[in-house]
Protein backbone atom coordinates (compact mmCIF):
# COMPACT_ATOMS: atom_id res chain seq x y z
CA UNK A 1 25.32 60.21 -35.19
CA UNK A 2 27.77 60.44 -32.55
CA UNK A 3 31.11 61.83 -32.52
CA UNK A 4 33.93 59.43 -31.20
CA UNK A 5 37.21 60.84 -29.90
CA UNK A 6 39.87 58.85 -28.41
CA UNK A 7 40.65 58.90 -24.80
CA UNK A 8 43.68 59.88 -24.92
CA UNK A 9 42.50 63.65 -26.28
CA UNK A 10 40.35 63.59 -23.67
CA UNK A 11 42.56 63.91 -20.58
CA UNK A 12 44.47 66.08 -19.35
CA UNK A 13 47.01 64.92 -17.37
CA UNK A 14 48.01 67.39 -14.17
CA UNK A 15 51.11 67.85 -11.77
CA UNK A 16 52.49 65.08 -9.65
CA UNK A 17 52.54 66.74 -6.31
CA UNK A 18 54.23 64.79 -3.75
CA UNK A 19 52.64 61.32 -2.12
CA UNK A 20 51.39 61.03 1.26
CA UNK A 21 52.77 57.38 2.76
CA UNK A 22 49.50 55.32 4.54
CA UNK A 23 51.39 55.10 7.68
CA UNK A 24 50.92 59.25 7.38
CA UNK A 25 47.01 59.20 7.37
CA UNK A 26 45.46 60.97 10.14
CA UNK A 27 41.52 61.29 11.42
CA UNK A 28 41.25 64.68 11.24
CA UNK A 29 43.49 67.20 8.93
CA UNK A 30 43.28 70.35 6.90
CA UNK A 31 42.69 68.18 3.22
CA UNK A 32 40.78 64.69 2.80
CA UNK A 33 43.04 62.67 1.01
CA UNK A 34 41.82 60.68 -1.22
CA UNK A 35 44.00 58.33 -2.66
CA UNK A 36 43.43 55.20 -5.58
CA UNK A 37 41.72 52.67 -2.81
CA UNK A 38 37.99 52.09 -2.13
CA UNK A 39 36.81 54.28 0.50
CA UNK A 40 36.01 57.92 -0.50
CA UNK A 41 38.23 59.47 1.60
CA UNK A 42 41.45 57.90 2.65
CA UNK A 43 42.18 59.98 5.43
CA UNK A 44 43.28 63.45 6.27
CA UNK A 45 46.68 65.16 6.11
CA UNK A 46 47.92 69.17 6.76
CA UNK A 47 50.47 69.21 4.40
CA UNK A 48 50.77 71.57 2.03
CA UNK A 49 53.75 69.87 0.01
CA UNK A 50 51.21 67.09 -1.19
CA UNK A 51 47.87 69.66 -1.26
CA UNK A 52 46.27 69.65 -4.82
CA UNK A 53 45.65 73.15 -6.59
CA UNK A 54 45.25 72.76 -10.26
CA UNK A 55 42.05 73.31 -11.56
CA UNK A 56 39.04 71.34 -10.45
CA UNK A 57 37.05 69.40 -10.64
CA UNK A 58 39.09 66.10 -11.28
CA UNK A 59 38.67 62.73 -12.14
CA UNK A 60 40.63 60.05 -9.82
CA UNK A 61 41.26 56.33 -10.60
CA UNK A 62 42.46 53.41 -8.64
CA UNK A 63 43.79 51.26 -11.23
CA UNK A 64 43.23 48.11 -8.97
CA UNK A 65 40.94 48.46 -7.42
CA UNK A 66 39.03 49.86 -10.90
CA UNK A 67 37.22 53.14 -8.00
CA UNK A 68 36.74 55.86 -9.97
CA UNK A 69 35.78 58.90 -8.12
CA UNK A 70 34.47 62.99 -9.17
CA UNK A 71 36.67 64.87 -6.79
CA UNK A 72 35.30 68.77 -6.62
CA UNK A 73 36.94 70.23 -3.44
CA UNK A 74 40.56 70.88 -2.26
CA UNK A 75 42.35 67.59 -1.34
CA UNK A 76 45.78 65.78 -1.17
């Protein structure tokens, strides 16, 4: 028999980092920007204050696009 879990018991929320406005996205930079959009990498940034520094891997879910992204590298 399969064991069942409530979804909220399986998810760890991470700290929130400063978001990057779309107009600030660059074509090249230190860190790839992962957003909720359908493109896997939306752009790049050099902004240290938006750099995700917690445990990896993470899963990013786009609530409008329904995109699910598995991220195992440094990103903004």
